[in-house]
Amino acid sequence: MAGDFNMQASSSEYAVAAASYVDAWALARALGVTLNYSGNCDGCTRNSRIDYIFASQGVWWLTLESAQVFDTRDASGYMPSDHKPLLVVYQVH
């Protein structure tokens, strides 16, 4: 499950999602496999974490390999969107 949820990790909506799904960025951070560019807060895709990728809990056939937030600014500092791309890589067994 992925998308622009416009929720904070401290919200009740996040708690509902986290009850059945694994937050890929949080797991990648715990595993030490996050990639983030300098000056961007931890996994932020706007001014905080509001875009998420979740996997169902207990899916034995997925192994999280990495999570990355990309800097899409051009040379003038212009961003084409108010969100930054979030890429999560899984190995499928």
PDB file of N, CA and C in Angstrom:
ATOM      1  N   MET A   1       0.869  -1.149   0.000  1.00  0.00           N
ATOM      2  CA  MET A   1       0.000   0.000   0.000  1.00  0.00           C
ATOM      3  C   MET A   1       0.919   1.214   0.000  1.00  0.00           C
ATOM      4  N   ALA A   2       0.696   2.134  -0.913  1.00  0.00           N
ATOM      5  CA  ALA A   2       1.585   3.287  -1.024  1.00  0.00           C
ATOM      6  C   ALA A   2       0.806   4.526  -1.417  1.00  0.00           C
ATOM      7  N   GLY A   3       1.311   5.670  -0.980  1.00  0.00           N
ATOM      8  CA  GLY A   3       0.687   6.904  -1.426  1.00  0.00           C
ATOM      9  C   GLY A   3       0.944   8.083  -0.520  1.00  0.00           C
ATOM     10  N   ASP A   4       0.289   9.165  -0.879  1.00  0.00           N
ATOM     11  CA  ASP A   4       0.312  10.426  -0.138  1.00  0.00           C
ATOM     12  C   ASP A   4      -0.797  10.347   0.906  1.00  0.00           C
ATOM     13  N   PHE A   5      -0.428   9.984   2.124  1.00  0.00           N
ATOM     14  CA  PHE A   5      -1.417   9.787   3.172  1.00  0.00           C
ATOM     15  C   PHE A   5      -1.682  11.051   3.971  1.00  0.00           C
ATOM     16  N   ASN A   6      -0.785  12.054   3.860  1.00  0.00           N
ATOM     17  CA  ASN A   6      -0.926  13.300   4.620  1.00  0.00           C
ATOM     18  C   ASN A   6      -1.154  13.042   6.100  1.00  0.00           C
ATOM     19  N   MET A   7      -0.450  12.071   6.643  1.00  0.00           N
ATOM     20  CA  MET A   7      -0.542  11.777   8.074  1.00  0.00           C
ATOM     21  C   MET A   7       0.858  11.738   8.664  1.00  0.00           C
ATOM     22  N   GLN A   8       0.940  12.009   9.907  1.00  0.00           N
ATOM     23  CA  GLN A   8       2.204  11.938  10.627  1.00  0.00           C
ATOM     24  C   GLN A   8       2.335  10.555  11.263  1.00  0.00           C
ATOM     25  N   ALA A   9       3.559  10.132  11.504  1.00  0.00           N
ATOM     26  CA  ALA A   9       3.784   8.830  12.131  1.00  0.00           C
ATOM     27  C   ALA A   9       3.259   8.792  13.563  1.00  0.00           C
ATOM     28  N   SER A  10       2.954   9.946  14.135  1.00  0.00           N
ATOM     29  CA  SER A  10       2.410  10.009  15.495  1.00  0.00           C
ATOM     30  C   SER A  10       0.877  10.063  15.519  1.00  0.00           C
ATOM     31  N   SER A  11       0.242  10.013  14.358  1.00  0.00           N
ATOM     32  CA  SER A  11      -1.215  10.154  14.288  1.00  0.00           C
ATOM     33  C   SER A  11      -1.945   8.836  14.544  1.00  0.00           C
ATOM     34  N   SER A  12      -3.207   8.940  14.873  1.00  0.00           N
ATOM     35  CA  SER A  12      -4.026   7.741  15.081  1.00  0.00           C
ATOM     36  C   SER A  12      -4.227   6.989  13.764  1.00  0.00           C
ATOM     37  N   GLU A  13      -4.265   7.700  12.647  1.00  0.00           N
ATOM     38  CA  GLU A  13      -4.415   7.054  11.344  1.00  0.00           C
ATOM     39  C   GLU A  13      -3.201   6.163  11.047  1.00  0.00           C
ATOM     40  N   TYR A  14      -2.017   6.664  11.388  1.00  0.00           N
ATOM     41  CA  TYR A  14      -0.797   5.880  11.191  1.00  0.00           C
ATOM     42  C   TYR A  14      -0.840   4.630  12.070  1.00  0.00           C
ATOM     43  N   ALA A  15      -1.291   4.778  13.303  1.00  0.00           N
ATOM     44  CA  ALA A  15      -1.374   3.638  14.218  1.00  0.00           C
ATOM     45  C   ALA A  15      -2.275   2.549  13.653  1.00  0.00           C
ATOM     46  N   VAL A  16      -3.354   2.940  13.015  1.00  0.00           N
ATOM     47  CA  VAL A  16      -4.254   1.965  12.390  1.00  0.00           C
ATOM     48  C   VAL A  16      -3.527   1.235  11.257  1.00  0.00           C
ATOM     49  N   ALA A  17      -2.830   1.992  10.408  1.00  0.00           N
ATOM     50  CA  ALA A  17      -2.094   1.365   9.301  1.00  0.00           C
ATOM     51  C   ALA A  17      -0.990   0.458   9.828  1.00  0.00           C
ATOM     52  N   ALA A  18      -0.257   0.919  10.832  1.00  0.00           N
ATOM     53  CA  ALA A  18       0.872   0.153  11.373  1.00  0.00           C
ATOM     54  C   ALA A  18       0.431  -1.103  12.117  1.00  0.00           C
ATOM     55  N   ALA A  19      -0.828  -1.200  12.455  1.00  0.00           N
ATOM     56  CA  ALA A  19      -1.322  -2.399  13.127  1.00  0.00           C
ATOM     57  C   ALA A  19      -1.330  -3.604  12.193  1.00  0.00           C
ATOM     58  N   SER A  20      -1.481  -3.359  10.883  1.00  0.00           N
ATOM     59  CA  SER A  20      -1.547  -4.457   9.918  1.00  0.00           C
ATOM     60  C   SER A  20      -0.442  -4.426   8.876  1.00  0.00           C
ATOM     61  N   TYR A  21       0.257  -3.297   8.793  1.00  0.00           N
ATOM     62  CA  TYR A  21       1.265  -3.119   7.746  1.00  0.00           C
ATOM     63  C   TYR A  21       2.582  -2.640   8.341  1.00  0.00           C
ATOM     64  N   VAL A  22       3.664  -2.877   7.616  1.00  0.00           N
ATOM     65  CA  VAL A  22       4.999  -2.456   8.030  1.00  0.00           C
ATOM     66  C   VAL A  22       5.381  -1.210   7.232  1.00  0.00           C
ATOM     67  N   ASP A  23       5.731  -0.146   7.931  1.00  0.00           N
ATOM     68  CA  ASP A  23       6.183   1.100   7.329  1.00  0.00           C
ATOM     69  C   ASP A  23       7.596   0.862   6.782  1.00  0.00           C
ATOM     70  N   ALA A  24       7.739   0.922   5.465  1.00  0.00           N
ATOM     71  CA  ALA A  24       9.012   0.588   4.824  1.00  0.00           C
ATOM     72  C   ALA A  24      10.141   1.520   5.254  1.00  0.00           C
ATOM     73  N   TRP A  25       9.875   2.825   5.364  1.00  0.00           N
ATOM     74  CA  TRP A  25      10.951   3.737   5.750  1.00  0.00           C
ATOM     75  C   TRP A  25      11.411   3.443   7.176  1.00  0.00           C
ATOM     76  N   ALA A  26      10.486   3.247   8.079  1.00  0.00           N
ATOM     77  CA  ALA A  26      10.847   2.970   9.476  1.00  0.00           C
ATOM     78  C   ALA A  26      11.653   1.679   9.584  1.00  0.00           C
ATOM     79  N   LEU A  27      11.262   0.648   8.849  1.00  0.00           N
ATOM     80  CA  LEU A  27      12.015  -0.607   8.871  1.00  0.00           C
ATOM     81  C   LEU A  27      13.396  -0.415   8.250  1.00  0.00           C
ATOM     82  N   ALA A  28      13.466   0.290   7.134  1.00  0.00           N
ATOM     83  CA  ALA A  28      14.755   0.533   6.478  1.00  0.00           C
ATOM     84  C   ALA A  28      15.684   1.320   7.403  1.00  0.00           C
ATOM     85  N   ARG A  29      15.136   2.287   8.122  1.00  0.00           N
ATOM     86  CA  ARG A  29      15.944   3.057   9.076  1.00  0.00           C
ATOM     87  C   ARG A  29      16.485   2.125  10.162  1.00  0.00           C
ATOM     88  N   ALA A  30      15.625   1.248  10.690  1.00  0.00           N
ATOM     89  CA  ALA A  30      16.050   0.301  11.735  1.00  0.00           C
ATOM     90  C   ALA A  30      17.131  -0.649  11.209  1.00  0.00           C
ATOM     91  N   LEU A  31      17.070  -0.982   9.926  1.00  0.00           N
ATOM     92  CA  LEU A  31      18.055  -1.879   9.309  1.00  0.00           C
ATOM     93  C   LEU A  31      19.308  -1.132   8.831  1.00  0.00           C
ATOM     94  N   GLY A  32      19.259   0.196   8.857  1.00  0.00           N
ATOM     95  CA  GLY A  32      20.395   0.995   8.404  1.00  0.00           C
ATOM     96  C   GLY A  32      20.548   1.057   6.901  1.00  0.00           C
ATOM     97  N   VAL A  33      19.431   0.949   6.164  1.00  0.00           N
ATOM     98  CA  VAL A  33      19.508   0.940   4.701  1.00  0.00           C
ATOM     99  C   VAL A  33      18.691   2.071   4.071  1.00  0.00           C
ATOM    100  N   THR A  34      18.642   3.226   4.738  1.00  0.00           N
ATOM    101  CA  THR A  34      17.973   4.388   4.158  1.00  0.00           C
ATOM    102  C   THR A  34      18.976   5.244   3.404  1.00  0.00           C
ATOM    103  N   LEU A  35      18.518   5.865   2.340  1.00  0.00           N
ATOM    104  CA  LEU A  35      19.310   6.820   1.574  1.00  0.00           C
ATOM    105  C   LEU A  35      18.502   8.110   1.514  1.00  0.00           C
ATOM    106  N   ASN A  36      19.116   9.177   1.970  1.00  0.00           N
ATOM    107  CA  ASN A  36      18.440  10.464   2.050  1.00  0.00           C
ATOM    108  C   ASN A  36      19.460  11.521   1.681  1.00  0.00           C
ATOM    109  N   TYR A  37      19.045  12.565   1.011  1.00  0.00           N
ATOM    110  CA  TYR A  37      20.020  13.575   0.618  1.00  0.00           C
ATOM    111  C   TYR A  37      20.230  14.600   1.729  1.00  0.00           C
ATOM    112  N   SER A  38      21.393  15.223   1.708  1.00  0.00           N
ATOM    113  CA  SER A  38      21.791  16.187   2.733  1.00  0.00           C
ATOM    114  C   SER A  38      20.784  17.336   2.832  1.00  0.00           C
ATOM    115  N   GLY A  39      20.400  17.642   4.053  1.00  0.00           N
ATOM    116  CA  GLY A  39      19.476  18.744   4.286  1.00  0.00           C
ATOM    117  C   GLY A  39      18.016  18.345   4.330  1.00  0.00           C
ATOM    118  N   ASN A  40      17.710  17.116   3.970  1.00  0.00           N
ATOM    119  CA  ASN A  40      16.332  16.638   4.029  1.00  0.00           C
ATOM    120  C   ASN A  40      16.124  15.925   5.358  1.00  0.00           C
ATOM    121  N   CYS A  41      15.014  16.224   6.028  1.00  0.00           N
ATOM    122  CA  CYS A  41      14.761  15.546   7.296  1.00  0.00           C
ATOM    123  C   CYS A  41      14.537  14.051   7.063  1.00  0.00           C
ATOM    124  N   ASP A  42      14.592  13.261   8.097  1.00  0.00           N
ATOM    125  CA  ASP A  42      14.591  11.801   8.034  1.00  0.00           C
ATOM    126  C   ASP A  42      13.396  11.232   7.269  1.00  0.00           C
ATOM    127  N   GLY A  43      13.613  10.924   5.996  1.00  0.00           N
ATOM    128  CA  GLY A  43      12.570  10.315   5.186  1.00  0.00           C
ATOM    129  C   GLY A  43      11.482  11.256   4.723  1.00  0.00           C
ATOM    130  N   CYS A  44      11.687  12.546   4.868  1.00  0.00           N
ATOM    131  CA  CYS A  44      10.643  13.515   4.521  1.00  0.00           C
ATOM    132  C   CYS A  44      10.415  13.564   3.021  1.00  0.00           C
ATOM    133  N   THR A  45       9.160  13.605   2.650  1.00  0.00           N
ATOM    134  CA  THR A  45       8.793  13.747   1.253  1.00  0.00           C
ATOM    135  C   THR A  45       8.062  15.074   1.025  1.00  0.00           C
ATOM    136  N   ARG A  46       7.953  15.843   2.042  1.00  0.00           N
ATOM    137  CA  ARG A  46       7.501  17.232   1.985  1.00  0.00           C
ATOM    138  C   ARG A  46       8.276  17.932   3.084  1.00  0.00           C
ATOM    139  N   ASN A  47       7.626  18.481   4.080  1.00  0.00           N
ATOM    140  CA  ASN A  47       8.350  19.047   5.221  1.00  0.00           C
ATOM    141  C   ASN A  47       8.371  18.078   6.395  1.00  0.00           C
ATOM    142  N   SER A  48       7.769  16.940   6.217  1.00  0.00           N
ATOM    143  CA  SER A  48       7.758  15.862   7.199  1.00  0.00           C
ATOM    144  C   SER A  48       7.427  14.579   6.439  1.00  0.00           C
ATOM    145  N   ARG A  49       7.321  13.483   7.140  1.00  0.00           N
ATOM    146  CA  ARG A  49       6.950  12.222   6.480  1.00  0.00           C
ATOM    147  C   ARG A  49       5.437  12.187   6.319  1.00  0.00           C
ATOM    148  N   ILE A  50       4.964  12.277   5.085  1.00  0.00           N
ATOM    149  CA  ILE A  50       3.522  12.169   4.817  1.00  0.00           C
ATOM    150  C   ILE A  50       3.230  11.173   3.694  1.00  0.00           C
ATOM    151  N   ASP A  51       4.261  10.760   2.981  1.00  0.00           N
ATOM    152  CA  ASP A  51       4.123   9.761   1.925  1.00  0.00           C
ATOM    153  C   ASP A  51       4.717   8.454   2.448  1.00  0.00           C
ATOM    154  N   TYR A  52       3.997   7.376   2.258  1.00  0.00           N
ATOM    155  CA  TYR A  52       4.388   6.103   2.860  1.00  0.00           C
ATOM    156  C   TYR A  52       4.275   4.965   1.867  1.00  0.00           C
ATOM    157  N   ILE A  53       5.080   3.952   2.110  1.00  0.00           N
ATOM    158  CA  ILE A  53       4.947   2.662   1.449  1.00  0.00           C
ATOM    159  C   ILE A  53       4.880   1.624   2.568  1.00  0.00           C
ATOM    160  N   PHE A  54       3.819   0.847   2.554  1.00  0.00           N
ATOM    161  CA  PHE A  54       3.586  -0.177   3.569  1.00  0.00           C
ATOM    162  C   PHE A  54       3.536  -1.553   2.900  1.00  0.00           C
ATOM    163  N   ALA A  55       4.004  -2.558   3.606  1.00  0.00           N
ATOM    164  CA  ALA A  55       3.851  -3.956   3.189  1.00  0.00           C
ATOM    165  C   ALA A  55       3.069  -4.675   4.276  1.00  0.00           C
ATOM    166  N   SER A  56       2.293  -5.652   3.880  1.00  0.00           N
ATOM    167  CA  SER A  56       1.555  -6.440   4.859  1.00  0.00           C
ATOM    168  C   SER A  56       2.506  -7.117   5.828  1.00  0.00           C
ATOM    169  N   GLN A  57       2.129  -7.180   7.089  1.00  0.00           N
ATOM    170  CA  GLN A  57       2.952  -7.883   8.074  1.00  0.00           C
ATOM    171  C   GLN A  57       2.954  -9.372   7.760  1.00  0.00           C
ATOM    172  N   GLY A  58       4.075  -9.996   7.984  1.00  0.00           N
ATOM    173  CA  GLY A  58       4.158 -11.442   7.828  1.00  0.00           C
ATOM    174  C   GLY A  58       4.358 -11.929   6.410  1.00  0.00           C
ATOM    175  N   VAL A  59       4.652 -11.036   5.471  1.00  0.00           N
ATOM    176  CA  VAL A  59       4.884 -11.505   4.100  1.00  0.00           C
ATOM    177  C   VAL A  59       6.324 -12.019   4.001  1.00  0.00           C
ATOM    178  N   TRP A  60       6.472 -13.311   4.139  1.00  0.00           N
ATOM    179  CA  TRP A  60       7.779 -13.943   4.203  1.00  0.00           C
ATOM    180  C   TRP A  60       8.533 -13.868   2.882  1.00  0.00           C
ATOM    181  N   TRP A  61       7.827 -13.615   1.785  1.00  0.00           N
ATOM    182  CA  TRP A  61       8.458 -13.607   0.468  1.00  0.00           C
ATOM    183  C   TRP A  61       9.050 -12.244   0.093  1.00  0.00           C
ATOM    184  N   LEU A  62       8.930 -11.241   0.981  1.00  0.00           N
ATOM    185  CA  LEU A  62       9.533  -9.931   0.740  1.00  0.00           C
ATOM    186  C   LEU A  62      10.634  -9.654   1.758  1.00  0.00           C
ATOM    187  N   THR A  63      11.779  -9.208   1.271  1.00  0.00           N
ATOM    188  CA  THR A  63      12.849  -8.733   2.136  1.00  0.00           C
ATOM    189  C   THR A  63      13.152  -7.301   1.725  1.00  0.00           C
ATOM    190  N   LEU A  64      13.040  -6.378   2.663  1.00  0.00           N
ATOM    191  CA  LEU A  64      13.321  -4.988   2.356  1.00  0.00           C
ATOM    192  C   LEU A  64      14.821  -4.795   2.163  1.00  0.00           C
ATOM    193  N   GLU A  65      15.193  -4.198   1.046  1.00  0.00           N
ATOM    194  CA  GLU A  65      16.604  -3.973   0.740  1.00  0.00           C
ATOM    195  C   GLU A  65      17.023  -2.536   1.029  1.00  0.00           C
ATOM    196  N   SER A  66      16.167  -1.556   0.679  1.00  0.00           N
ATOM    197  CA  SER A  66      16.524  -0.155   0.903  1.00  0.00           C
ATOM    198  C   SER A  66      15.306   0.742   0.720  1.00  0.00           C
ATOM    199  N   ALA A  67      15.436   1.959   1.224  1.00  0.00           N
ATOM    200  CA  ALA A  67      14.430   3.000   1.014  1.00  0.00           C
ATOM    201  C   ALA A  67      15.181   4.298   0.767  1.00  0.00           C
ATOM    202  N   GLN A  68      14.704   5.075  -0.210  1.00  0.00           N
ATOM    203  CA  GLN A  68      15.408   6.290  -0.591  1.00  0.00           C
ATOM    204  C   GLN A  68      14.426   7.396  -0.929  1.00  0.00           C
ATOM    205  N   VAL A  69      14.765   8.618  -0.488  1.00  0.00           N
ATOM    206  CA  VAL A  69      14.047   9.826  -0.884  1.00  0.00           C
ATOM    207  C   VAL A  69      14.965  10.588  -1.835  1.00  0.00           C
ATOM    208  N   PHE A  70      14.424  11.008  -2.978  1.00  0.00           N
ATOM    209  CA  PHE A  70      15.217  11.671  -4.009  1.00  0.00           C
ATOM    210  C   PHE A  70      15.050  13.183  -3.972  1.00  0.00           C
ATOM    211  N   ASP A  71      16.138  13.874  -4.254  1.00  0.00           N
ATOM    212  CA  ASP A  71      16.139  15.325  -4.406  1.00  0.00           C
ATOM    213  C   ASP A  71      15.827  15.620  -5.866  1.00  0.00           C
ATOM    214  N   THR A  72      14.687  16.237  -6.132  1.00  0.00           N
ATOM    215  CA  THR A  72      14.277  16.516  -7.510  1.00  0.00           C
ATOM    216  C   THR A  72      14.457  17.981  -7.895  1.00  0.00           C
ATOM    217  N   ARG A  73      15.114  18.756  -7.039  1.00  0.00           N
ATOM    218  CA  ARG A  73      15.317  20.175  -7.358  1.00  0.00           C
ATOM    219  C   ARG A  73      16.237  20.339  -8.561  1.00  0.00           C
ATOM    220  N   ASP A  74      15.933  21.356  -9.374  1.00  0.00           N
ATOM    221  CA  ASP A  74      16.837  21.673 -10.473  1.00  0.00           C
ATOM    222  C   ASP A  74      17.945  22.600  -9.974  1.00  0.00           C
ATOM    223  N   ALA A  75      18.801  23.067 -10.857  1.00  0.00           N
ATOM    224  CA  ALA A  75      19.945  23.895 -10.482  1.00  0.00           C
ATOM    225  C   ALA A  75      19.537  25.198  -9.803  1.00  0.00           C
ATOM    226  N   SER A  76      18.299  25.642 -10.036  1.00  0.00           N
ATOM    227  CA  SER A  76      17.792  26.878  -9.408  1.00  0.00           C
ATOM    228  C   SER A  76      17.060  26.599  -8.099  1.00  0.00           C
ATOM    229  N   GLY A  77      16.984  25.341  -7.709  1.00  0.00           N
ATOM    230  CA  GLY A  77      16.300  24.973  -6.475  1.00  0.00           C
ATOM    231  C   GLY A  77      14.810  24.738  -6.640  1.00  0.00           C
ATOM    232  N   TYR A  78      14.316  24.754  -7.874  1.00  0.00           N
ATOM    233  CA  TYR A  78      12.895  24.538  -8.143  1.00  0.00           C
ATOM    234  C   TYR A  78      12.575  23.052  -8.111  1.00  0.00           C
ATOM    235  N   MET A  79      11.481  22.714  -7.409  1.00  0.00           N
ATOM    236  CA  MET A  79      11.004  21.327  -7.372  1.00  0.00           C
ATOM    237  C   MET A  79       9.744  21.218  -8.209  1.00  0.00           C
ATOM    238  N   PRO A  80       9.614  20.197  -9.041  1.00  0.00           N
ATOM    239  CA  PRO A  80       8.437  20.059  -9.888  1.00  0.00           C
ATOM    240  C   PRO A  80       7.167  19.686  -9.111  1.00  0.00           C
ATOM    241  N   SER A  81       7.312  19.259  -7.867  1.00  0.00           N
ATOM    242  CA  SER A  81       6.171  18.879  -7.032  1.00  0.00           C
ATOM    243  C   SER A  81       6.475  19.291  -5.606  1.00  0.00           C
ATOM    244  N   ASP A  82       5.425  19.368  -4.785  1.00  0.00           N
ATOM    245  CA  ASP A  82       5.662  19.657  -3.366  1.00  0.00           C
ATOM    246  C   ASP A  82       5.997  18.386  -2.594  1.00  0.00           C
ATOM    247  N   HIS A  83       6.082  17.248  -3.288  1.00  0.00           N
ATOM    248  CA  HIS A  83       6.489  15.976  -2.693  1.00  0.00           C
ATOM    249  C   HIS A  83       7.756  15.490  -3.379  1.00  0.00           C
ATOM    250  N   LYS A  84       8.506  14.673  -2.651  1.00  0.00           N
ATOM    251  CA  LYS A  84       9.721  14.082  -3.202  1.00  0.00           C
ATOM    252  C   LYS A  84       9.480  12.590  -3.401  1.00  0.00           C
ATOM    253  N   PRO A  85      10.029  12.011  -4.459  1.00  0.00           N
ATOM    254  CA  PRO A  85       9.827  10.584  -4.699  1.00  0.00           C
ATOM    255  C   PRO A  85      10.424   9.723  -3.579  1.00  0.00           C
ATOM    256  N   LEU A  86       9.685   8.701  -3.208  1.00  0.00           N
ATOM    257  CA  LEU A  86      10.116   7.708  -2.229  1.00  0.00           C
ATOM    258  C   LEU A  86      10.185   6.372  -2.954  1.00  0.00           C
ATOM    259  N   LEU A  87      11.364   5.765  -2.941  1.00  0.00           N
ATOM    260  CA  LEU A  87      11.569   4.473  -3.583  1.00  0.00           C
ATOM    261  C   LEU A  87      11.922   3.445  -2.523  1.00  0.00           C
ATOM    262  N   VAL A  88      11.215   2.339  -2.530  1.00  0.00           N
ATOM    263  CA  VAL A  88      11.527   1.230  -1.637  1.00  0.00           C
ATOM    264  C   VAL A  88      11.830   0.021  -2.525  1.00  0.00           C
ATOM    265  N   VAL A  89      12.943  -0.643  -2.213  1.00  0.00           N
ATOM    266  CA  VAL A  89      13.345  -1.820  -2.976  1.00  0.00           C
ATOM    267  C   VAL A  89      13.174  -3.051  -2.089  1.00  0.00           C
ATOM    268  N   TYR A  90      12.433  -4.006  -2.618  1.00  0.00           N
ATOM    269  CA  TYR A  90      12.236  -5.288  -1.932  1.00  0.00           C
ATOM    270  C   TYR A  90      12.846  -6.390  -2.783  1.00  0.00           C
ATOM    271  N   GLN A  91      13.368  -7.409  -2.129  1.00  0.00           N
ATOM    272  CA  GLN A  91      13.739  -8.635  -2.817  1.00  0.00           C
ATOM    273  C   GLN A  91      12.550  -9.574  -2.674  1.00  0.00           C
ATOM    274  N   VAL A  92      12.118 -10.141  -3.783  1.00  0.00           N
ATOM    275  CA  VAL A  92      10.992 -11.075  -3.763  1.00  0.00           C
ATOM    276  C   VAL A  92      11.556 -12.484  -3.834  1.00  0.00           C
ATOM    277  N   HIS A  93      11.173 -13.319  -2.877  1.00  0.00           N
ATOM    278  CA  HIS A  93      11.685 -14.699  -2.799  1.00  0.00           C
ATOM    279  C   HIS A  93      10.700 -15.653  -3.438  1.00  0.00           C
TER     280      HIS A  93
END
